[in-house]
Amino acid sequence: MLLGDFHTHSTLDDGKSTLAQMAAAAYDLGLTHFGFSGHSFEEYAQDFCLSRANVPVYLETARKLQEEYRDRMEIFVGLELDYFGEKPEGLDYVIGSVHGLRLGEGQCVYVDASAQDSKRAVDECFGGDWYRYTDAYYDLVADLPRKTGCQWIGHFDLVTKFNEQVHTIDEDSPRYLRRALEVMEYLVKQGVAFEVNTGAIARGYRTTPYPGGTLLRRFQEFGGEIILNSDCHHAPQLCFGFDQAVELAQAAGFTHTNLWTKDGLRPVGWDTFGKGRE
């Protein structure tokens, strides 16, 4: 049986567990496939990303753990590469993500920082129009494959992170969906997968994964491929919410998920996924 989780963070960026602790937790859970994906270095995001000094430490430590677990669990060394991040050499995969919008010289707003920061940016830079804000976000998401060379898109609708608490965006409105769906369809045609990301559930911001229900259903209709990830920042939360994610994916019409392997994305049926090592 097969089980994997490929979006994870450590104490080298903004996580709470070391790389070694993350790998040990993955093995103890019975994972057959596991990936490290530290936040790429970015000039304006040094409070949550790998520092430039930590990038080689991250790569070296992750490769040592990959070797340590060889023949027991397949470990891959990836990166969550932000649109404005720096890409080092020698990666096994890349998750393409947008966290920040550049609004001017030296000015950046992070869509997942806080509801207050988002409202301030919308009021000051988008004339109070939340849908101009979400359009600007999706414009960058559309360009992620070219900019990052990613294998899949991280938390596609991250811009809605705080919406269950403050409800500033109508996620079913034509005004919001127009650009989101245009970008989604375009990315499917580029052959880029999406992750079903449960991280915001584990951290108490959302009750459902990214992408939200309407978008997940449309992604299936467009013929997209998915991979389940926990966006884990603390070892005990590896694979958090996967049962719920599988249910939602099945309800949306997906017949399988994918694992990242040495040969790239590999389709895995629901009857096989989630059982771990035998």
Protein backbone atom coordinates (compact mmCIF):
# COMPACT_ATOMS: atom_id res chain seq x y z
CA MET A 1 0.00 0.00 0.00
CA LEU A 2 1.07 3.59 -0.57
CA LEU A 3 0.94 6.81 1.39
CA GLY A 4 2.77 10.09 0.81
CA ASP A 5 3.06 13.68 2.02
CA PHE A 6 5.28 16.13 0.14
CA HIS A 7 4.55 19.64 1.42
CA THR A 8 6.41 20.00 4.73
CA HIS A 9 8.39 22.64 6.62
CA SER A 10 11.01 22.53 9.37
CA THR A 11 12.80 24.68 11.92
CA LEU A 12 15.08 25.85 9.10
CA ASP A 13 12.18 27.95 7.80
CA ASP A 14 8.91 28.47 9.72
CA GLY A 15 8.25 24.96 11.01
CA LYS A 16 8.33 23.65 14.58
CA SER A 17 10.11 20.33 13.96
CA THR A 18 13.57 19.55 12.61
CA LEU A 19 14.05 17.78 9.31
CA ALA A 20 15.07 14.64 11.22
CA GLN A 21 11.93 14.80 13.36
CA MET A 22 9.77 15.22 10.28
CA ALA A 23 11.34 12.21 8.57
CA ALA A 24 11.03 10.06 11.70
CA ALA A 25 7.35 11.01 12.08
CA ALA A 26 6.71 10.18 8.44
CA TYR A 27 8.30 6.78 8.85
CA ASP A 28 6.41 6.06 12.07
CA LEU A 29 3.14 6.88 10.27
CA GLY A 30 3.94 4.26 7.66
CA LEU A 31 4.57 6.63 4.78
CA THR A 32 6.10 5.03 1.73
CA HIS A 33 6.89 8.38 0.06
CA PHE A 34 7.84 11.64 1.77
CA GLY A 35 9.16 15.03 0.72
CA PHE A 36 10.84 18.05 2.29
CA SER A 37 9.78 21.41 0.84
CA GLY A 38 11.25 24.36 2.70
CA HIS A 39 10.13 27.88 1.82
CA SER A 40 12.44 29.37 -0.81
CA PHE A 41 14.56 32.34 0.17
CA GLU A 42 12.84 35.62 -0.65
CA GLU A 43 14.16 39.08 0.11
CA TYR A 44 10.89 40.42 1.54
CA ALA A 45 9.87 37.26 3.43
CA GLN A 46 12.77 36.51 5.72
CA ASP A 47 10.54 35.88 8.72
CA PHE A 48 9.15 32.63 7.26
CA CYS A 49 11.51 31.46 4.50
CA LEU A 50 14.85 29.71 4.45
CA SER A 51 17.60 32.25 4.94
CA ARG A 52 20.28 32.32 2.27
CA ALA A 53 22.65 30.77 4.80
CA ASN A 54 20.16 27.99 5.58
CA VAL A 55 19.54 26.96 1.96
CA PRO A 56 22.72 24.84 1.67
CA VAL A 57 22.19 23.52 5.21
CA TYR A 58 18.66 22.49 4.24
CA LEU A 59 19.79 20.72 1.07
CA GLU A 60 22.69 18.93 2.74
CA THR A 61 20.67 17.79 5.76
CA ALA A 62 17.76 16.65 3.62
CA ARG A 63 20.06 14.64 1.33
CA LYS A 64 21.64 12.93 4.35
CA LEU A 65 18.21 11.91 5.60
CA GLN A 66 17.29 10.72 2.11
CA GLU A 67 20.29 8.39 2.24
CA GLU A 68 19.61 7.34 5.83
CA TYR A 69 16.09 6.14 4.95
CA ARG A 70 17.04 4.56 1.64
CA ASP A 71 15.35 1.15 1.20
CA ARG A 72 12.90 2.01 4.01
CA MET A 73 11.05 5.10 2.74
CA GLU A 74 11.47 7.12 -0.43
CA ILE A 75 12.45 10.67 0.55
CA PHE A 76 12.60 13.55 -1.93
CA VAL A 77 14.22 16.94 -1.52
CA GLY A 78 11.92 19.62 -2.87
CA LEU A 79 11.18 23.30 -2.33
CA GLU A 80 8.10 25.45 -2.02
CA LEU A 81 9.23 28.08 -4.48
CA ASP A 82 7.44 31.39 -4.17
CA TYR A 83 6.84 33.48 -7.27
CA PHE A 84 9.43 35.94 -5.98
CA GLY A 85 11.70 33.32 -4.42
CA GLU A 86 15.17 32.10 -5.38
CA LYS A 87 15.62 28.60 -6.82
CA PRO A 88 18.72 26.60 -5.88
CA GLU A 89 20.12 23.76 -7.96
CA GLY A 90 19.66 20.08 -7.17
CA LEU A 91 15.95 19.78 -6.32
CA ASP A 92 13.80 16.69 -6.82
CA TYR A 93 10.60 18.71 -7.26
CA VAL A 94 9.18 22.21 -6.91
CA ILE A 95 5.87 23.35 -5.47
CA GLY A 96 4.91 26.64 -7.09
CA SER A 97 3.19 29.05 -4.69
CA VAL A 98 2.18 32.67 -4.42
CA HIS A 99 2.25 34.18 -0.94
CA GLY A 100 2.97 37.83 -1.63
CA LEU A 101 1.94 40.60 -3.99
CA ARG A 102 4.46 43.31 -4.87
CA LEU A 103 2.64 46.62 -4.67
CA GLY A 104 5.46 49.04 -5.33
CA GLU A 105 9.11 49.67 -4.69
CA GLY A 106 9.96 47.67 -1.59
CA GLN A 107 6.28 47.16 -0.73
CA CYS A 108 4.83 43.68 -0.44
CA VAL A 109 1.67 42.26 1.13
CA TYR A 110 1.37 38.59 2.06
CA VAL A 111 -2.09 37.20 1.41
CA ASP A 112 -1.73 34.65 4.23
CA ALA A 113 -0.25 36.95 6.89
CA SER A 114 -3.43 38.21 8.57
CA ALA A 115 -6.94 39.34 7.74
CA GLN A 116 -5.98 42.83 8.89
CA ASP A 117 -2.99 43.02 6.55
CA SER A 118 -5.13 41.89 3.64
CA LYS A 119 -7.83 44.48 4.37
CA ARG A 120 -5.22 47.23 4.64
CA ALA A 121 -3.76 46.24 1.26
CA VAL A 122 -7.19 46.12 -0.38
CA ASP A 123 -8.14 49.53 1.00
CA GLU A 124 -4.83 51.23 0.21
CA CYS A 125 -3.84 49.61 -3.09
CA PHE A 126 -7.00 48.18 -4.68
CA GLY A 127 -9.56 50.89 -3.94
CA GLY A 128 -11.38 48.68 -1.45
CA ASP A 129 -12.19 46.15 -4.20
CA TRP A 130 -11.48 42.64 -2.93
CA TYR A 131 -11.86 41.17 -6.41
CA ARG A 132 -9.15 43.37 -7.88
CA TYR A 133 -7.00 41.96 -5.07
CA THR A 134 -7.91 38.34 -5.84
CA ASP A 135 -7.42 38.94 -9.58
CA ALA A 136 -3.90 40.27 -8.91
CA TYR A 137 -3.17 37.14 -6.88
CA TYR A 138 -4.43 34.78 -9.59
CA ASP A 139 -2.49 36.67 -12.26
CA LEU A 140 0.71 35.61 -10.48
CA VAL A 141 -0.53 32.05 -9.93
CA ALA A 142 -1.10 31.74 -13.68
CA ASP A 143 2.57 32.50 -14.30
CA LEU A 144 3.98 30.02 -11.75
CA PRO A 145 4.90 27.24 -14.23
CA ARG A 146 6.98 29.63 -16.32
CA LYS A 147 8.51 31.38 -13.34
CA THR A 148 9.25 28.37 -11.12
CA GLY A 149 9.17 25.25 -13.32
CA CYS A 150 6.91 23.68 -10.69
CA GLN A 151 5.45 20.19 -10.78
CA TRP A 152 2.33 21.24 -8.94
CA ILE A 153 0.59 24.35 -7.57
CA GLY A 154 0.55 24.92 -3.82
CA HIS A 155 -2.71 25.95 -2.05
CA PHE A 156 -4.25 27.39 -5.25
CA ASP A 157 -6.76 29.66 -3.45
CA LEU A 158 -4.58 30.74 -0.52
CA VAL A 159 -6.01 34.25 -0.98
CA THR A 160 -9.17 32.97 0.77
CA LYS A 161 -7.32 31.76 3.90
CA PHE A 162 -9.19 34.03 6.35
CA ASN A 163 -12.53 34.01 4.59
CA GLU A 164 -14.32 31.69 6.99
CA GLN A 165 -13.59 34.16 9.77
CA VAL A 166 -14.13 37.53 8.10
CA HIS A 167 -15.97 36.61 4.86
CA THR A 168 -14.72 39.42 2.67
CA ILE A 169 -14.79 37.35 -0.53
CA ASP A 170 -17.85 35.60 -1.97
CA GLU A 171 -16.16 32.44 -3.23
CA ASP A 172 -19.19 31.47 -5.31
CA SER A 173 -19.64 34.85 -6.98
CA PRO A 174 -19.01 35.20 -10.72
CA ARG A 175 -16.72 38.15 -9.98
CA TYR A 176 -14.39 35.98 -7.90
CA LEU A 177 -14.67 32.80 -9.95
CA ARG A 178 -14.11 34.42 -13.35
CA ARG A 179 -10.35 34.90 -12.98
CA ALA A 180 -9.83 31.92 -10.66
CA LEU A 181 -11.40 29.55 -13.20
CA GLU A 182 -9.63 31.12 -16.17
CA VAL A 183 -6.31 30.55 -14.41
CA MET A 184 -7.26 27.06 -13.29
CA GLU A 185 -8.20 25.97 -16.81
CA TYR A 186 -5.02 27.51 -18.20
CA LEU A 187 -2.86 25.66 -15.65
CA VAL A 188 -4.55 22.34 -16.41
CA LYS A 189 -3.68 22.85 -20.07
CA GLN A 190 -0.07 23.47 -19.01
CA GLY A 191 -0.05 19.99 -17.47
CA VAL A 192 0.50 21.21 -13.91
CA ALA A 193 -1.11 19.31 -11.03
CA PHE A 194 -2.74 20.92 -7.98
CA GLU A 195 -2.34 19.87 -4.40
CA VAL A 196 -5.29 19.29 -2.10
CA ASN A 197 -3.78 21.08 0.87
CA THR A 198 -5.05 20.49 4.43
CA GLY A 199 -2.62 22.80 6.23
CA ALA A 200 -5.10 25.56 7.08
CA ILE A 201 -7.38 22.99 8.73
CA ALA A 202 -4.58 21.81 11.02
CA ARG A 203 -3.82 25.41 12.00
CA GLY A 204 -7.44 26.38 12.60
CA TYR A 205 -8.01 28.83 9.75
CA ARG A 206 -10.32 26.73 7.58
CA THR A 207 -12.60 23.74 7.89
CA THR A 208 -11.94 22.50 4.34
CA PRO A 209 -8.79 22.06 2.25
CA TYR A 210 -7.52 24.23 -0.57
CA PRO A 211 -8.92 24.37 -3.24
CA GLY A 212 -12.42 25.08 -1.91
CA GLY A 213 -15.35 22.89 -2.94
CA THR A 214 -16.50 24.79 -6.04
CA LEU A 215 -12.97 25.11 -7.38
CA LEU A 216 -12.11 21.48 -6.63
CA ARG A 217 -15.14 20.27 -8.57
CA ARG A 218 -14.33 22.51 -11.52
CA PHE A 219 -10.70 21.36 -11.44
CA GLN A 220 -11.90 17.79 -11.87
CA GLU A 221 -14.17 18.84 -14.74
CA PHE A 222 -11.19 20.50 -16.44
CA GLY A 223 -9.31 17.17 -16.23
CA GLY A 224 -6.78 18.22 -13.57
CA GLU A 225 -4.53 15.93 -11.53
CA ILE A 226 -4.25 16.19 -7.74
CA ILE A 227 -1.75 15.28 -5.03
CA LEU A 228 -2.66 15.29 -1.32
CA ASN A 229 -0.42 17.31 1.01
CA SER A 230 -0.66 18.49 4.62
CA ASP A 231 1.58 21.58 4.34
CA CYS A 232 2.89 20.32 7.67
CA HIS A 233 4.78 22.68 10.00
CA HIS A 234 4.82 20.35 13.03
CA ALA A 235 5.61 16.63 12.89
CA PRO A 236 2.44 15.44 14.73
CA GLN A 237 0.33 17.05 11.98
CA LEU A 238 1.72 15.05 9.06
CA CYS A 239 -1.13 13.77 6.86
CA PHE A 240 -3.57 15.84 8.95
CA GLY A 241 -7.08 15.81 7.48
CA PHE A 242 -6.29 13.33 4.72
CA ASP A 243 -9.47 11.32 5.38
CA GLN A 244 -11.54 14.47 4.83
CA ALA A 245 -9.49 15.42 1.75
CA VAL A 246 -10.01 11.98 0.21
CA GLU A 247 -13.77 12.21 0.83
CA LEU A 248 -14.00 15.62 -0.79
CA ALA A 249 -11.86 14.58 -3.75
CA GLN A 250 -14.01 11.50 -4.33
CA ALA A 251 -17.20 13.59 -4.06
CA ALA A 252 -15.74 15.97 -6.66
CA GLY A 253 -15.30 13.03 -9.04
CA PHE A 254 -11.60 12.21 -8.70
CA THR A 255 -10.89 8.50 -9.15
CA HIS A 256 -7.32 8.72 -7.89
CA THR A 257 -4.64 10.91 -6.40
CA ASN A 258 -0.92 11.01 -7.22
CA LEU A 259 2.34 10.33 -5.43
CA TRP A 260 5.63 11.95 -6.30
CA THR A 261 8.13 9.28 -7.34
CA LYS A 262 11.52 9.02 -9.03
CA ASP A 263 9.58 8.93 -12.30
CA GLY A 264 7.43 11.96 -11.49
CA LEU A 265 3.76 11.96 -10.57
CA ARG A 266 2.29 8.48 -10.31
CA PRO A 267 -1.50 7.92 -10.20
CA VAL A 268 -2.67 5.93 -7.18
CA GLY A 269 -6.26 4.69 -6.81
CA TRP A 270 -8.22 5.32 -3.63
CA ASP A 271 -8.25 1.61 -2.78
CA THR A 272 -4.45 1.71 -2.62
CA PHE A 273 -3.74 5.17 -1.22
CA GLY A 274 -3.68 5.81 2.49
CA LYS A 275 -2.82 2.40 3.89
CA GLY A 276 0.89 3.01 4.48
CA ARG A 277 3.56 0.34 4.55
CA GLU A 278 2.47 -3.24 5.03
